[in-house]
């Protein structure tokens, strides 16, 4: 949708009843394509005071400061967006997005350790999803999680981080985390041990398709899960275990859990799906 049309909708139709908005930009349409502007974002906040969720797809946000986003947001999703180096710097105004509880960063190529550290300003943040943020390092993740100890949900998918290093950082800093989803690249039985005894973990998901020789066996996964007192959901995606003996081992070993074994869902290339 072109910004001119969005302005028209704001003036004529959008008001206090709008709670969720999904928008697509023109990031891959060349330098002459219309882009989102700070003025449009500020108007969105003024015209829609109850807006809680904003999803932006293929948008160039390099000239849109985070301070221009509606302050009422509780969920912010960025999918295939471009951001500037200073977009989430920790030194910026700590009062920005005071209600933000969930942020999804999916294929945001510029996102790096400095941006991750900047998330620590959001004291209401409880849910963080990192998808394909390949510039985030193991050191950066560990340092940031130390200050994000109040997170209750963490997903690390398709990044260059090994699963073992991610689980180590989680076990050290996120003792109250309730939901974990991560890609199994670099996952070993030793890495799984880091999660043992996690007191609040309720849902655990391992996502393929990459399987390394060090991948834990179903029996090892069961043994670790049995040490988690509140675990109620175990999900395994894309490992080729559906209908196999591995699935039976998980189900028999964890009768108190909902065990979900399935192929990875096909990802739509259409941003509006």
C-alpha atoms as a PDB file:
ATOM      1  CA  UNK A   1       0.000   0.000   0.000  1.00  0.00           C
ATOM      2  CA  UNK A   2       1.371   3.397  -0.904  1.00  0.00           C
ATOM      3  CA  UNK A   3       1.752   5.912   1.952  1.00  0.00           C
ATOM      4  CA  UNK A   4      -0.660   8.272   0.186  1.00  0.00           C
ATOM      5  CA  UNK A   5      -3.409   5.651   0.477  1.00  0.00           C
ATOM      6  CA  UNK A   6      -2.465   5.021   4.094  1.00  0.00           C
ATOM      7  CA  UNK A   7      -2.845   8.728   4.862  1.00  0.00           C
ATOM      8  CA  UNK A   8      -6.324   8.626   3.329  1.00  0.00           C
ATOM      9  CA  UNK A   9      -7.312   5.645   5.474  1.00  0.00           C
ATOM     10  CA  UNK A  10      -6.005   7.350   8.594  1.00  0.00           C
ATOM     11  CA  UNK A  11      -8.003  10.504   7.951  1.00  0.00           C
ATOM     12  CA  UNK A  12     -11.236   8.800   6.942  1.00  0.00           C
ATOM     13  CA  UNK A  13     -11.557   5.414   8.603  1.00  0.00           C
ATOM     14  CA  UNK A  14      -8.943   4.451  11.173  1.00  0.00           C
ATOM     15  CA  UNK A  15      -9.671   5.459  14.734  1.00  0.00           C
ATOM     16  CA  UNK A  16      -9.816   4.146  18.270  1.00  0.00           C
ATOM     17  CA  UNK A  17     -11.263   0.801  17.160  1.00  0.00           C
ATOM     18  CA  UNK A  18      -8.035  -0.261  15.438  1.00  0.00           C
ATOM     19  CA  UNK A  19      -6.006  -2.643  17.631  1.00  0.00           C
ATOM     20  CA  UNK A  20      -3.785  -4.469  15.114  1.00  0.00           C
ATOM     21  CA  UNK A  21      -2.222  -3.388  11.820  1.00  0.00           C
ATOM     22  CA  UNK A  22      -0.091  -5.238   9.261  1.00  0.00           C
ATOM     23  CA  UNK A  23       1.686  -3.097   6.654  1.00  0.00           C
ATOM     24  CA  UNK A  24       3.980  -3.806   3.720  1.00  0.00           C
ATOM     25  CA  UNK A  25       6.582  -1.469   2.296  1.00  0.00           C
ATOM     26  CA  UNK A  26       8.600  -1.116  -0.896  1.00  0.00           C
ATOM     27  CA  UNK A  27      12.086  -2.092   0.289  1.00  0.00           C
ATOM     28  CA  UNK A  28      12.925  -4.042  -2.877  1.00  0.00           C
ATOM     29  CA  UNK A  29      11.282  -1.666  -5.344  1.00  0.00           C
ATOM     30  CA  UNK A  30      14.188   0.725  -5.874  1.00  0.00           C
ATOM     31  CA  UNK A  31      15.200   4.103  -4.503  1.00  0.00           C
ATOM     32  CA  UNK A  32      12.290   5.929  -6.162  1.00  0.00           C
ATOM     33  CA  UNK A  33       9.626   3.802  -4.473  1.00  0.00           C
ATOM     34  CA  UNK A  34       7.494   5.465  -1.772  1.00  0.00           C
ATOM     35  CA  UNK A  35       8.633   4.702   1.769  1.00  0.00           C
ATOM     36  CA  UNK A  36       7.146   4.899   5.229  1.00  0.00           C
ATOM     37  CA  UNK A  37       7.849   8.183   6.997  1.00  0.00           C
ATOM     38  CA  UNK A  38       8.179   9.327  10.623  1.00  0.00           C
ATOM     39  CA  UNK A  39       5.184  11.641  10.090  1.00  0.00           C
ATOM     40  CA  UNK A  40       3.008   8.706   9.028  1.00  0.00           C
ATOM     41  CA  UNK A  41       4.053   6.668  12.078  1.00  0.00           C
ATOM     42  CA  UNK A  42       3.341   9.583  14.427  1.00  0.00           C
ATOM     43  CA  UNK A  43      -0.055  10.138  12.830  1.00  0.00           C
ATOM     44  CA  UNK A  44      -0.810   6.469  13.290  1.00  0.00           C
ATOM     45  CA  UNK A  45      -0.198   6.838  17.010  1.00  0.00           C
ATOM     46  CA  UNK A  46      -2.352   9.953  17.256  1.00  0.00           C
ATOM     47  CA  UNK A  47      -5.300   8.673  15.198  1.00  0.00           C
ATOM     48  CA  UNK A  48      -5.267   5.141  16.642  1.00  0.00           C
ATOM     49  CA  UNK A  49      -4.722   5.458  20.413  1.00  0.00           C
ATOM     50  CA  UNK A  50      -5.615   1.794  21.028  1.00  0.00           C
ATOM     51  CA  UNK A  51      -3.207   0.285  18.514  1.00  0.00           C
ATOM     52  CA  UNK A  52      -1.485  -2.629  20.267  1.00  0.00           C
ATOM     53  CA  UNK A  53       0.142  -4.648  17.463  1.00  0.00           C
ATOM     54  CA  UNK A  54       2.096  -3.416  14.456  1.00  0.00           C
ATOM     55  CA  UNK A  55       3.599  -5.770  11.843  1.00  0.00           C
ATOM     56  CA  UNK A  56       5.863  -4.255   9.195  1.00  0.00           C
ATOM     57  CA  UNK A  57       7.009  -6.234   6.140  1.00  0.00           C
ATOM     58  CA  UNK A  58       9.694  -5.413   3.531  1.00  0.00           C
ATOM     59  CA  UNK A  59       9.854  -1.834   4.769  1.00  0.00           C
ATOM     60  CA  UNK A  60      12.789   0.553   4.769  1.00  0.00           C
ATOM     61  CA  UNK A  61      12.879   1.952   8.301  1.00  0.00           C
ATOM     62  CA  UNK A  62      16.362   3.434   8.096  1.00  0.00           C
ATOM     63  CA  UNK A  63      14.859   6.949   8.087  1.00  0.00           C
ATOM     64  CA  UNK A  64      12.052   6.135  10.529  1.00  0.00           C
ATOM     65  CA  UNK A  65      13.305   6.486  14.118  1.00  0.00           C
ATOM     66  CA  UNK A  66      11.856   4.103  16.667  1.00  0.00           C
ATOM     67  CA  UNK A  67      10.751   7.168  18.652  1.00  0.00           C
ATOM     68  CA  UNK A  68       8.115   7.863  15.964  1.00  0.00           C
ATOM     69  CA  UNK A  69       6.298   4.546  16.475  1.00  0.00           C
ATOM     70  CA  UNK A  70       3.009   4.585  18.427  1.00  0.00           C
ATOM     71  CA  UNK A  71       3.751   4.510  22.151  1.00  0.00           C
ATOM     72  CA  UNK A  72       0.757   2.223  22.778  1.00  0.00           C
ATOM     73  CA  UNK A  73       2.355  -0.788  21.033  1.00  0.00           C
ATOM     74  CA  UNK A  74       2.600  -4.042  22.958  1.00  0.00           C
ATOM     75  CA  UNK A  75       3.756  -6.137  19.981  1.00  0.00           C
ATOM     76  CA  UNK A  76       6.138  -5.041  17.216  1.00  0.00           C
ATOM     77  CA  UNK A  77       7.044  -7.352  14.335  1.00  0.00           C
ATOM     78  CA  UNK A  78       9.648  -6.576  11.689  1.00  0.00           C
ATOM     79  CA  UNK A  79       9.817  -8.987   8.732  1.00  0.00           C
ATOM     80  CA  UNK A  80      12.476  -8.454   6.050  1.00  0.00           C
ATOM     81  CA  UNK A  81      12.893  -4.823   7.069  1.00  0.00           C
ATOM     82  CA  UNK A  82      15.898  -2.531   6.944  1.00  0.00           C
ATOM     83  CA  UNK A  83      16.889  -0.533  10.051  1.00  0.00           C
ATOM     84  CA  UNK A  84      19.671   1.925  10.771  1.00  0.00           C
ATOM     85  CA  UNK A  85      22.642   1.378  13.062  1.00  0.00           C
ATOM     86  CA  UNK A  86      21.171   3.701  15.698  1.00  0.00           C
ATOM     87  CA  UNK A  87      17.626   2.304  15.551  1.00  0.00           C
ATOM     88  CA  UNK A  88      17.802   0.425  18.836  1.00  0.00           C
ATOM     89  CA  UNK A  89      20.846   1.867  20.521  1.00  0.00           C
ATOM     90  CA  UNK A  90      20.714   1.630  24.284  1.00  0.00           C
ATOM     91  CA  UNK A  91      21.626   5.287  24.765  1.00  0.00           C
ATOM     92  CA  UNK A  92      18.374   6.483  23.184  1.00  0.00           C
ATOM     93  CA  UNK A  93      15.343   7.720  25.136  1.00  0.00           C
ATOM     94  CA  UNK A  94      14.471   4.995  27.707  1.00  0.00           C
ATOM     95  CA  UNK A  95      10.788   6.018  27.645  1.00  0.00           C
ATOM     96  CA  UNK A  96      10.287   4.820  24.043  1.00  0.00           C
ATOM     97  CA  UNK A  97       7.577   2.133  23.692  1.00  0.00           C
ATOM     98  CA  UNK A  98       7.038   1.749  27.450  1.00  0.00           C
ATOM     99  CA  UNK A  99       4.376  -0.970  27.016  1.00  0.00           C
ATOM    100  CA  UNK A 100       6.251  -3.165  24.532  1.00  0.00           C
ATOM    101  CA  UNK A 101       5.919  -6.822  25.574  1.00  0.00           C
ATOM    102  CA  UNK A 102       6.819  -8.710  22.390  1.00  0.00           C
ATOM    103  CA  UNK A 103       9.253  -8.011  19.557  1.00  0.00           C
ATOM    104  CA  UNK A 104       9.762 -10.209  16.493  1.00  0.00           C
ATOM    105  CA  UNK A 105      12.872  -9.643  14.360  1.00  0.00           C
ATOM    106  CA  UNK A 106      12.580 -11.848  11.303  1.00  0.00           C
ATOM    107  CA  UNK A 107      15.204 -11.529   8.565  1.00  0.00           C
ATOM    108  CA  UNK A 108      16.344  -8.068   9.575  1.00  0.00           C
ATOM    109  CA  UNK A 109      19.864  -8.193   8.104  1.00  0.00           C
ATOM    110  CA  UNK A 110      21.250  -5.118   9.875  1.00  0.00           C
ATOM    111  CA  UNK A 111      20.285  -6.379  13.342  1.00  0.00           C
ATOM    112  CA  UNK A 112      23.405  -7.049  15.422  1.00  0.00           C
ATOM    113  CA  UNK A 113      24.717  -7.248  18.975  1.00  0.00           C
ATOM    114  CA  UNK A 114      24.377  -3.495  19.559  1.00  0.00           C
ATOM    115  CA  UNK A 115      20.700  -3.603  18.614  1.00  0.00           C
ATOM    116  CA  UNK A 116      20.137  -6.634  20.837  1.00  0.00           C
ATOM    117  CA  UNK A 117      21.723  -4.790  23.737  1.00  0.00           C
ATOM    118  CA  UNK A 118      19.368  -1.889  23.046  1.00  0.00           C
ATOM    119  CA  UNK A 119      16.359  -4.112  23.742  1.00  0.00           C
ATOM    120  CA  UNK A 120      17.254  -4.044  27.437  1.00  0.00           C
ATOM    121  CA  UNK A 121      15.614  -0.622  27.707  1.00  0.00           C
ATOM    122  CA  UNK A 122      12.161  -2.223  27.254  1.00  0.00           C
ATOM    123  CA  UNK A 123      11.390  -3.207  30.829  1.00  0.00           C
ATOM    124  CA  UNK A 124       7.967  -4.618  29.895  1.00  0.00           C
ATOM    125  CA  UNK A 125       9.474  -6.967  27.279  1.00  0.00           C
ATOM    126  CA  UNK A 126       8.567 -10.608  27.910  1.00  0.00           C
ATOM    127  CA  UNK A 127       8.796 -12.216  24.443  1.00  0.00           C
ATOM    128  CA  UNK A 128      11.701 -12.075  21.971  1.00  0.00           C
ATOM    129  CA  UNK A 129      11.893 -13.803  18.580  1.00  0.00           C
ATOM    130  CA  UNK A 130      15.131 -13.745  16.560  1.00  0.00           C
ATOM    131  CA  UNK A 131      14.785 -15.236  13.073  1.00  0.00           C
ATOM    132  CA  UNK A 132      17.697 -15.208  10.663  1.00  0.00           C
ATOM    133  CA  UNK A 133      19.518 -12.424  12.539  1.00  0.00           C
ATOM    134  CA  UNK A 134      22.885 -13.735  11.432  1.00  0.00           C
ATOM    135  CA  UNK A 135      24.940 -10.818  12.789  1.00  0.00           C
ATOM    136  CA  UNK A 136      24.126 -11.642  16.421  1.00  0.00           C
ATOM    137  CA  UNK A 137      27.058 -13.400  18.091  1.00  0.00           C
ATOM    138  CA  UNK A 138      27.208 -15.835  20.991  1.00  0.00           C
ATOM    139  CA  UNK A 139      28.934 -13.186  23.122  1.00  0.00           C
ATOM    140  CA  UNK A 140      26.290 -10.601  22.261  1.00  0.00           C
ATOM    141  CA  UNK A 141      23.427 -12.961  23.059  1.00  0.00           C
ATOM    142  CA  UNK A 142      24.914 -13.947  26.409  1.00  0.00           C
ATOM    143  CA  UNK A 143      25.572 -10.334  27.429  1.00  0.00           C
ATOM    144  CA  UNK A 144      22.082  -9.192  26.436  1.00  0.00           C
ATOM    145  CA  UNK A 145      20.215 -12.060  28.096  1.00  0.00           C
ATOM    146  CA  UNK A 146      21.979 -11.172  31.313  1.00  0.00           C
ATOM    147  CA  UNK A 147      20.005  -7.917  31.293  1.00  0.00           C
ATOM    148  CA  UNK A 148      16.847  -9.504  29.853  1.00  0.00           C
ATOM    149  CA  UNK A 149      16.419 -11.987  32.682  1.00  0.00           C
ATOM    150  CA  UNK A 150      12.695 -11.203  32.846  1.00  0.00           C
ATOM    151  CA  UNK A 151      11.984 -12.758  29.411  1.00  0.00           C
ATOM    152  CA  UNK A 152       9.335 -15.488  29.463  1.00  0.00           C
ATOM    153  CA  UNK A 153       9.563 -16.546  25.815  1.00  0.00           C
ATOM    154  CA  UNK A 154      12.625 -16.807  23.577  1.00  0.00           C
ATOM    155  CA  UNK A 155      12.838 -18.086  20.008  1.00  0.00           C
ATOM    156  CA  UNK A 156      16.159 -18.283  18.134  1.00  0.00           C
ATOM    157  CA  UNK A 157      15.583 -19.629  14.626  1.00  0.00           C
ATOM    158  CA  UNK A 158      17.802 -19.791  11.568  1.00  0.00           C
ATOM    159  CA  UNK A 159      20.631 -17.771  13.120  1.00  0.00           C
ATOM    160  CA  UNK A 160      24.350 -18.580  13.031  1.00  0.00           C
ATOM    161  CA  UNK A 161      24.329 -19.269  16.772  1.00  0.00           C
ATOM    162  CA  UNK A 162      24.772 -22.878  17.842  1.00  0.00           C
ATOM    163  CA  UNK A 163      21.941 -24.386  19.845  1.00  0.00           C
ATOM    164  CA  UNK A 164      24.339 -25.408  22.612  1.00  0.00           C
ATOM    165  CA  UNK A 165      25.621 -21.852  23.135  1.00  0.00           C
ATOM    166  CA  UNK A 166      22.055 -20.525  23.111  1.00  0.00           C
ATOM    167  CA  UNK A 167      20.933 -23.058  25.732  1.00  0.00           C
ATOM    168  CA  UNK A 168      23.953 -22.222  27.885  1.00  0.00           C
ATOM    169  CA  UNK A 169      23.060 -18.516  27.829  1.00  0.00           C
ATOM    170  CA  UNK A 170      19.424 -19.332  28.612  1.00  0.00           C
ATOM    171  CA  UNK A 171      20.329 -21.552  31.555  1.00  0.00           C
ATOM    172  CA  UNK A 172      22.606 -18.873  32.983  1.00  0.00           C
ATOM    173  CA  UNK A 173      20.291 -15.887  32.680  1.00  0.00           C
ATOM    174  CA  UNK A 174      16.652 -16.865  31.940  1.00  0.00           C
ATOM    175  CA  UNK A 175      15.649 -19.014  34.883  1.00  0.00           C
ATOM    176  CA  UNK A 176      12.014 -17.864  34.626  1.00  0.00           C
ATOM    177  CA  UNK A 177      11.605 -18.526  30.895  1.00  0.00           C
ATOM    178  CA  UNK A 178       8.400 -20.412  30.061  1.00  0.00           C
ATOM    179  CA  UNK A 179       8.721 -21.061  26.324  1.00  0.00           C
ATOM    180  CA  UNK A 180      11.793 -21.872  24.213  1.00  0.00           C
ATOM    181  CA  UNK A 181      11.929 -22.536  20.478  1.00  0.00           C
ATOM    182  CA  UNK A 182      15.215 -22.941  18.646  1.00  0.00           C
ATOM    183  CA  UNK A 183      16.836 -24.415  15.567  1.00  0.00           C
ATOM    184  CA  UNK A 184      18.736 -27.622  16.299  1.00  0.00           C
ATOM    185  CA  UNK A 185      21.930 -26.675  14.447  1.00  0.00           C
ATOM    186  CA  UNK A 186      24.817 -27.377  16.836  1.00  0.00           C
ATOM    187  CA  UNK A 187      22.624 -29.156  19.382  1.00  0.00           C
ATOM    188  CA  UNK A 188      24.272 -31.959  21.379  1.00  0.00           C
ATOM    189  CA  UNK A 189      23.393 -34.041  24.412  1.00  0.00           C
ATOM    190  CA  UNK A 190      25.718 -31.845  26.467  1.00  0.00           C
ATOM    191  CA  UNK A 191      23.843 -28.728  25.374  1.00  0.00           C
ATOM    192  CA  UNK A 192      20.575 -30.327  26.373  1.00  0.00           C
ATOM    193  CA  UNK A 193      21.944 -30.817  29.881  1.00  0.00           C
ATOM    194  CA  UNK A 194      22.059 -27.028  30.298  1.00  0.00           C
ATOM    195  CA  UNK A 195      18.246 -26.994  30.367  1.00  0.00           C
ATOM    196  CA  UNK A 196      17.863 -29.664  32.993  1.00  0.00           C
ATOM    197  CA  UNK A 197      16.007 -28.521  36.072  1.00  0.00           C
ATOM    198  CA  UNK A 198      14.700 -25.307  34.477  1.00  0.00           C
ATOM    199  CA  UNK A 199      12.013 -24.462  37.061  1.00  0.00           C
ATOM    200  CA  UNK A 200       9.470 -22.532  34.966  1.00  0.00           C
ATOM    201  CA  UNK A 201       9.829 -24.011  31.464  1.00  0.00           C
ATOM    202  CA  UNK A 202       6.425 -25.075  30.122  1.00  0.00           C
ATOM    203  CA  UNK A 203       6.982 -25.421  26.381  1.00  0.00           C
ATOM    204  CA  UNK A 204      10.066 -26.581  24.454  1.00  0.00           C
ATOM    205  CA  UNK A 205      10.396 -26.799  20.681  1.00  0.00           C
ATOM    206  CA  UNK A 206      13.298 -28.054  18.572  1.00  0.00           C
ATOM    207  CA  UNK A 207      13.115 -27.141  14.898  1.00  0.00           C
ATOM    208  CA  UNK A 208      15.011 -28.719  11.986  1.00  0.00           C
ATOM    209  CA  UNK A 209      15.897 -29.503   9.343  1.00  0.00           C
ATOM    210  CA  UNK A 210      19.617 -29.563  10.132  1.00  0.00           C
ATOM    211  CA  UNK A 211      20.626 -32.660  12.103  1.00  0.00           C
ATOM    212  CA  UNK A 212      24.257 -33.028  13.174  1.00  0.00           C
ATOM    213  CA  UNK A 213      25.952 -36.255  14.307  1.00  0.00           C
ATOM    214  CA  UNK A 214      25.860 -34.887  17.863  1.00  0.00           C
ATOM    215  CA  UNK A 215      22.072 -34.540  17.800  1.00  0.00           C
ATOM    216  CA  UNK A 216      20.600 -35.985  21.033  1.00  0.00           C
ATOM    217  CA  UNK A 217      18.657 -39.208  20.746  1.00  0.00           C
ATOM    218  CA  UNK A 218      14.956 -39.289  21.636  1.00  0.00           C
ATOM    219  CA  UNK A 219      15.844 -41.119  24.865  1.00  0.00           C
ATOM    220  CA  UNK A 220      18.280 -38.365  25.841  1.00  0.00           C
ATOM    221  CA  UNK A 221      15.651 -35.712  25.133  1.00  0.00           C
ATOM    222  CA  UNK A 222      13.174 -37.590  27.345  1.00  0.00           C
ATOM    223  CA  UNK A 223      15.705 -37.862  30.180  1.00  0.00           C
ATOM    224  CA  UNK A 224      16.349 -34.112  30.138  1.00  0.00           C
ATOM    225  CA  UNK A 225      12.671 -33.206  29.855  1.00  0.00           C
ATOM    226  CA  UNK A 226      11.842 -35.314  32.916  1.00  0.00           C
ATOM    227  CA  UNK A 227      13.965 -32.949  35.027  1.00  0.00           C
ATOM    228  CA  UNK A 228      11.784 -29.961  34.083  1.00  0.00           C
ATOM    229  CA  UNK A 229       8.955 -29.890  36.639  1.00  0.00           C
ATOM    230  CA  UNK A 230       6.527 -27.665  34.704  1.00  0.00           C
ATOM    231  CA  UNK A 231       7.121 -28.900  31.159  1.00  0.00           C
ATOM    232  CA  UNK A 232       3.794 -29.634  29.475  1.00  0.00           C
ATOM    233  CA  UNK A 233       4.537 -29.281  25.742  1.00  0.00           C
ATOM    234  CA  UNK A 234       7.396 -30.790  23.721  1.00  0.00           C
ATOM    235  CA  UNK A 235       7.407 -30.069  20.007  1.00  0.00           C
ATOM    236  CA  UNK A 236       9.811 -31.441  17.403  1.00  0.00           C
ATOM    237  CA  UNK A 237       9.597 -29.998  13.895  1.00  0.00           C
ATOM    238  CA  UNK A 238      11.341 -30.983  10.698  1.00  0.00           C
ATOM    239  CA  UNK A 239      13.562 -33.762  12.035  1.00  0.00           C
ATOM    240  CA  UNK A 240      11.849 -36.531  10.093  1.00  0.00           C
ATOM    241  CA  UNK A 241      10.692 -38.266  13.271  1.00  0.00           C
ATOM    242  CA  UNK A 242       6.969 -38.184  12.548  1.00  0.00           C
ATOM    243  CA  UNK A 243       5.534 -41.708  12.466  1.00  0.00           C
ATOM    244  CA  UNK A 244       8.900 -43.209  13.399  1.00  0.00           C
ATOM    245  CA  UNK A 245      10.133 -45.041  16.484  1.00  0.00           C
ATOM    246  CA  UNK A 246      11.561 -41.740  17.738  1.00  0.00           C
ATOM    247  CA  UNK A 247       8.053 -40.314  18.077  1.00  0.00           C
ATOM    248  CA  UNK A 248       6.908 -43.359  20.063  1.00  0.00           C
ATOM    249  CA  UNK A 249       9.879 -43.025  22.441  1.00  0.00           C
ATOM    250  CA  UNK A 250       8.993 -39.391  23.144  1.00  0.00           C
ATOM    251  CA  UNK A 251       5.303 -40.122  23.706  1.00  0.00           C
ATOM    252  CA  UNK A 252       5.942 -43.105  25.983  1.00  0.00           C
ATOM    253  CA  UNK A 253       8.609 -41.306  27.975  1.00  0.00           C
ATOM    254  CA  UNK A 254       6.616 -38.117  28.535  1.00  0.00           C
ATOM    255  CA  UNK A 255       3.023 -39.173  29.271  1.00  0.00           C
ATOM    256  CA  UNK A 256       2.349 -35.952  31.181  1.00  0.00           C
ATOM    257  CA  UNK A 257       3.284 -33.788  28.157  1.00  0.00           C
ATOM    258  CA  UNK A 258       1.623 -32.942  24.879  1.00  0.00           C
ATOM    259  CA  UNK A 259       4.179 -34.302  22.400  1.00  0.00           C
ATOM    260  CA  UNK A 260       3.945 -32.823  18.900  1.00  0.00           C
ATOM    261  CA  UNK A 261       6.100 -34.326  16.152  1.00  0.00           C
ATOM    262  CA  UNK A 262       5.606 -32.893  12.682  1.00  0.00           C
ATOM    263  CA  UNK A 263       7.274 -31.577   9.571  1.00  0.00           C
ATOM    264  CA  UNK A 264       8.212 -27.910   9.376  1.00  0.00           C
ATOM    265  CA  UNK A 265       5.336 -25.863   7.954  1.00  0.00           C
ATOM    266  CA  UNK A 266       6.026 -24.441   4.534  1.00  0.00           C
ATOM    267  CA  UNK A 267       6.900 -20.796   4.733  1.00  0.00           C
ATOM    268  CA  UNK A 268       4.870 -18.505   2.541  1.00  0.00           C
ATOM    269  CA  UNK A 269       6.806 -15.998   0.434  1.00  0.00           C
ATOM    270  CA  UNK A 270       3.819 -13.656   0.550  1.00  0.00           C
ATOM    271  CA  UNK A 271       4.169 -11.183   3.397  1.00  0.00           C
ATOM    272  CA  UNK A 272       0.416 -10.926   3.937  1.00  0.00           C
ATOM    273  CA  UNK A 273       0.060 -14.631   4.828  1.00  0.00           C
END
